[in-house]
Amino acid sequence: MTELLDRAVQTARALSPEMQDEIARLVLAYAGRDEAVIELTADEITDLIEAQAERMRGDFATEAEVEAVLSRYRL
């Protein structure tokens, strides 16, 4: 194990069990294992399917719509 990975594991040990499991899922997914990184709810799956359909239709936000959303989060 590299020094950097060892430090990451040591840091993760101080986190909640839920966060440790999330980190483990990400590492396993990155390493090519068949672990689910994120488990979607039924509503999230429906939203994702609709978003994919919008993308296939070329139904994207205009620059003005994107700017309106981003302007809410700028300092």
N, C-alpha and C. Protein backbone atom coordinates (compact mmCIF):
# COMPACT_ATOMS: atom_id res chain seq x y z
N MET A 1 0.86 -1.17 0.00
CA MET A 1 0.00 0.00 0.00
C MET A 1 0.90 1.23 0.00
N THR A 2 0.53 2.22 -0.80
CA THR A 2 1.32 3.44 -0.85
C THR A 2 1.07 4.27 0.42
N GLU A 3 1.96 5.22 0.66
CA GLU A 3 1.81 6.08 1.82
C GLU A 3 0.53 6.91 1.73
N LEU A 4 0.22 7.40 0.52
CA LEU A 4 -0.98 8.21 0.34
C LEU A 4 -2.24 7.40 0.61
N LEU A 5 -2.31 6.18 0.10
CA LEU A 5 -3.48 5.34 0.35
C LEU A 5 -3.59 5.00 1.83
N ASP A 6 -2.46 4.75 2.46
CA ASP A 6 -2.46 4.45 3.89
C ASP A 6 -3.01 5.64 4.68
N ARG A 7 -2.62 6.86 4.31
CA ARG A 7 -3.13 8.05 4.98
C ARG A 7 -4.64 8.19 4.77
N ALA A 8 -5.08 7.88 3.55
CA ALA A 8 -6.52 7.96 3.26
C ALA A 8 -7.30 6.97 4.11
N VAL A 9 -6.79 5.78 4.26
CA VAL A 9 -7.46 4.76 5.07
C VAL A 9 -7.49 5.19 6.53
N GLN A 10 -6.40 5.73 7.02
CA GLN A 10 -6.36 6.20 8.41
C GLN A 10 -7.39 7.31 8.63
N THR A 11 -7.50 8.21 7.68
CA THR A 11 -8.48 9.30 7.77
C THR A 11 -9.90 8.75 7.75
N ALA A 12 -10.14 7.78 6.88
CA ALA A 12 -11.47 7.19 6.76
C ALA A 12 -11.90 6.48 8.03
N ARG A 13 -10.96 5.94 8.75
CA ARG A 13 -11.30 5.23 10.00
C ARG A 13 -12.00 6.12 11.01
N ALA A 14 -11.75 7.41 10.94
CA ALA A 14 -12.36 8.36 11.88
C ALA A 14 -13.78 8.77 11.47
N LEU A 15 -14.20 8.37 10.29
CA LEU A 15 -15.52 8.75 9.78
C LEU A 15 -16.59 7.78 10.26
N SER A 16 -17.83 8.17 10.05
CA SER A 16 -18.96 7.31 10.43
C SER A 16 -18.95 6.03 9.59
N PRO A 17 -19.58 4.98 10.10
CA PRO A 17 -19.66 3.74 9.32
C PRO A 17 -20.30 3.95 7.95
N GLU A 18 -21.30 4.83 7.87
CA GLU A 18 -21.95 5.09 6.59
C GLU A 18 -20.98 5.71 5.59
N MET A 19 -20.19 6.67 6.05
CA MET A 19 -19.20 7.31 5.18
C MET A 19 -18.11 6.31 4.79
N GLN A 20 -17.70 5.47 5.72
CA GLN A 20 -16.70 4.44 5.40
C GLN A 20 -17.21 3.51 4.31
N ASP A 21 -18.48 3.11 4.41
CA ASP A 21 -19.06 2.24 3.39
C ASP A 21 -19.13 2.94 2.04
N GLU A 22 -19.46 4.24 2.05
CA GLU A 22 -19.52 4.99 0.79
C GLU A 22 -18.14 5.06 0.15
N ILE A 23 -17.12 5.32 0.94
CA ILE A 23 -15.75 5.35 0.43
C ILE A 23 -15.36 3.99 -0.12
N ALA A 24 -15.73 2.93 0.60
CA ALA A 24 -15.40 1.57 0.15
C ALA A 24 -16.06 1.27 -1.19
N ARG A 25 -17.33 1.68 -1.36
CA ARG A 25 -18.02 1.46 -2.64
C ARG A 25 -17.29 2.18 -3.78
N LEU A 26 -16.88 3.41 -3.53
CA LEU A 26 -16.19 4.18 -4.56
C LEU A 26 -14.85 3.54 -4.93
N VAL A 27 -14.11 3.11 -3.93
CA VAL A 27 -12.82 2.47 -4.20
C VAL A 27 -13.02 1.19 -4.98
N LEU A 28 -13.98 0.37 -4.58
CA LEU A 28 -14.24 -0.88 -5.28
C LEU A 28 -14.69 -0.63 -6.72
N ALA A 29 -15.53 0.37 -6.92
CA ALA A 29 -15.97 0.69 -8.28
C ALA A 29 -14.80 1.17 -9.11
N TYR A 30 -13.96 2.01 -8.54
CA TYR A 30 -12.79 2.53 -9.25
C TYR A 30 -11.81 1.41 -9.59
N ALA A 31 -11.72 0.44 -8.71
CA ALA A 31 -10.79 -0.68 -8.91
C ALA A 31 -11.35 -1.73 -9.87
N GLY A 32 -12.57 -1.51 -10.37
CA GLY A 32 -13.13 -2.42 -11.37
C GLY A 32 -13.99 -3.53 -10.80
N ARG A 33 -14.38 -3.43 -9.57
CA ARG A 33 -15.28 -4.43 -8.99
C ARG A 33 -16.71 -4.11 -9.39
N ASP A 34 -17.59 -5.06 -9.22
CA ASP A 34 -18.99 -4.87 -9.60
C ASP A 34 -19.83 -4.36 -8.44
N GLU A 35 -19.32 -3.41 -7.70
CA GLU A 35 -20.06 -2.84 -6.59
C GLU A 35 -20.85 -1.62 -7.07
N ALA A 36 -22.06 -1.47 -6.58
CA ALA A 36 -22.84 -0.29 -6.92
C ALA A 36 -22.29 0.90 -6.16
N VAL A 37 -21.99 1.96 -6.88
CA VAL A 37 -21.46 3.16 -6.24
C VAL A 37 -22.60 3.92 -5.58
N ILE A 38 -23.71 4.03 -6.28
CA ILE A 38 -24.87 4.75 -5.77
C ILE A 38 -26.10 3.88 -6.02
N GLU A 39 -26.92 3.77 -5.01
CA GLU A 39 -28.17 3.05 -5.19
C GLU A 39 -29.28 4.08 -5.33
N LEU A 40 -29.96 4.07 -6.47
CA LEU A 40 -30.99 5.05 -6.75
C LEU A 40 -32.35 4.58 -6.25
N THR A 41 -33.16 5.55 -5.85
CA THR A 41 -34.54 5.25 -5.49
C THR A 41 -35.35 5.11 -6.79
N ALA A 42 -36.57 4.62 -6.67
CA ALA A 42 -37.43 4.48 -7.84
C ALA A 42 -37.67 5.85 -8.50
N ASP A 43 -37.87 6.89 -7.69
CA ASP A 43 -38.07 8.23 -8.24
C ASP A 43 -36.83 8.73 -8.97
N GLU A 44 -35.67 8.46 -8.41
CA GLU A 44 -34.42 8.89 -9.05
C GLU A 44 -34.20 8.16 -10.37
N ILE A 45 -34.56 6.89 -10.42
CA ILE A 45 -34.45 6.13 -11.67
C ILE A 45 -35.38 6.71 -12.73
N THR A 46 -36.61 7.05 -12.32
CA THR A 46 -37.56 7.68 -13.24
C THR A 46 -37.00 9.00 -13.76
N ASP A 47 -36.45 9.82 -12.87
CA ASP A 47 -35.86 11.10 -13.27
C ASP A 47 -34.69 10.90 -14.22
N LEU A 48 -33.87 9.90 -13.95
CA LEU A 48 -32.71 9.63 -14.80
C LEU A 48 -33.15 9.20 -16.20
N ILE A 49 -34.16 8.35 -16.28
CA ILE A 49 -34.67 7.91 -17.58
C ILE A 49 -35.21 9.10 -18.36
N GLU A 50 -35.94 10.00 -17.69
CA GLU A 50 -36.47 11.19 -18.35
C GLU A 50 -35.33 12.10 -18.81
N ALA A 51 -34.31 12.26 -17.97
CA ALA A 51 -33.16 13.10 -18.35
C ALA A 51 -32.45 12.52 -19.57
N GLN A 52 -32.31 11.21 -19.62
CA GLN A 52 -31.68 10.57 -20.78
C GLN A 52 -32.52 10.78 -22.03
N ALA A 53 -33.84 10.70 -21.89
CA ALA A 53 -34.73 10.93 -23.03
C ALA A 53 -34.61 12.38 -23.52
N GLU A 54 -34.54 13.33 -22.57
CA GLU A 54 -34.36 14.73 -22.94
C GLU A 54 -33.05 14.93 -23.70
N ARG A 55 -32.01 14.28 -23.24
CA ARG A 55 -30.71 14.39 -23.91
C ARG A 55 -30.79 13.83 -25.32
N MET A 56 -31.45 12.71 -25.48
CA MET A 56 -31.57 12.10 -26.81
C MET A 56 -32.37 13.00 -27.76
N ARG A 57 -33.34 13.75 -27.23
CA ARG A 57 -34.13 14.68 -28.04
C ARG A 57 -33.39 15.99 -28.29
N GLY A 58 -32.29 16.19 -27.58
CA GLY A 58 -31.56 17.44 -27.70
C GLY A 58 -32.22 18.57 -26.93
N ASP A 59 -32.99 18.20 -25.93
CA ASP A 59 -33.75 19.17 -25.13
C ASP A 59 -32.87 19.65 -23.97
N PHE A 60 -32.06 20.68 -24.24
CA PHE A 60 -31.12 21.19 -23.25
C PHE A 60 -31.54 22.57 -22.78
N ALA A 61 -31.05 22.97 -21.61
CA ALA A 61 -31.32 24.31 -21.09
C ALA A 61 -30.62 25.34 -21.97
N THR A 62 -31.25 26.49 -22.09
CA THR A 62 -30.63 27.59 -22.83
C THR A 62 -29.55 28.21 -21.95
N GLU A 63 -28.70 29.04 -22.57
CA GLU A 63 -27.67 29.74 -21.80
C GLU A 63 -28.31 30.62 -20.73
N ALA A 64 -29.42 31.26 -21.05
CA ALA A 64 -30.11 32.12 -20.08
C ALA A 64 -30.63 31.31 -18.89
N GLU A 65 -31.16 30.11 -19.15
CA GLU A 65 -31.66 29.26 -18.07
C GLU A 65 -30.52 28.79 -17.17
N VAL A 66 -29.41 28.43 -17.76
CA VAL A 66 -28.24 28.01 -16.99
C VAL A 66 -27.72 29.18 -16.15
N GLU A 67 -27.62 30.35 -16.76
CA GLU A 67 -27.15 31.53 -16.05
C GLU A 67 -28.06 31.87 -14.88
N ALA A 68 -29.36 31.73 -15.05
CA ALA A 68 -30.32 32.02 -13.97
C ALA A 68 -30.09 31.11 -12.78
N VAL A 69 -29.82 29.84 -13.03
CA VAL A 69 -29.57 28.90 -11.93
C VAL A 69 -28.23 29.21 -11.28
N LEU A 70 -27.19 29.38 -12.07
CA LEU A 70 -25.86 29.63 -11.52
C LEU A 70 -25.78 30.92 -10.73
N SER A 71 -26.53 31.92 -11.15
CA SER A 71 -26.47 33.22 -10.47
C SER A 71 -26.97 33.13 -9.03
N ARG A 72 -27.79 32.16 -8.73
CA ARG A 72 -28.26 31.97 -7.37
C ARG A 72 -27.17 31.50 -6.41
N TYR A 73 -26.11 30.89 -6.94
CA TYR A 73 -25.09 30.28 -6.11
C TYR A 73 -23.77 31.05 -6.12
N ARG A 74 -23.69 32.08 -6.89
CA ARG A 74 -22.47 32.88 -6.93
C ARG A 74 -22.41 33.78 -5.72
N LEU A 75 -21.21 34.00 -5.23
CA LEU A 75 -21.01 34.90 -4.08
C LEU A 75 -20.99 36.33 -4.48
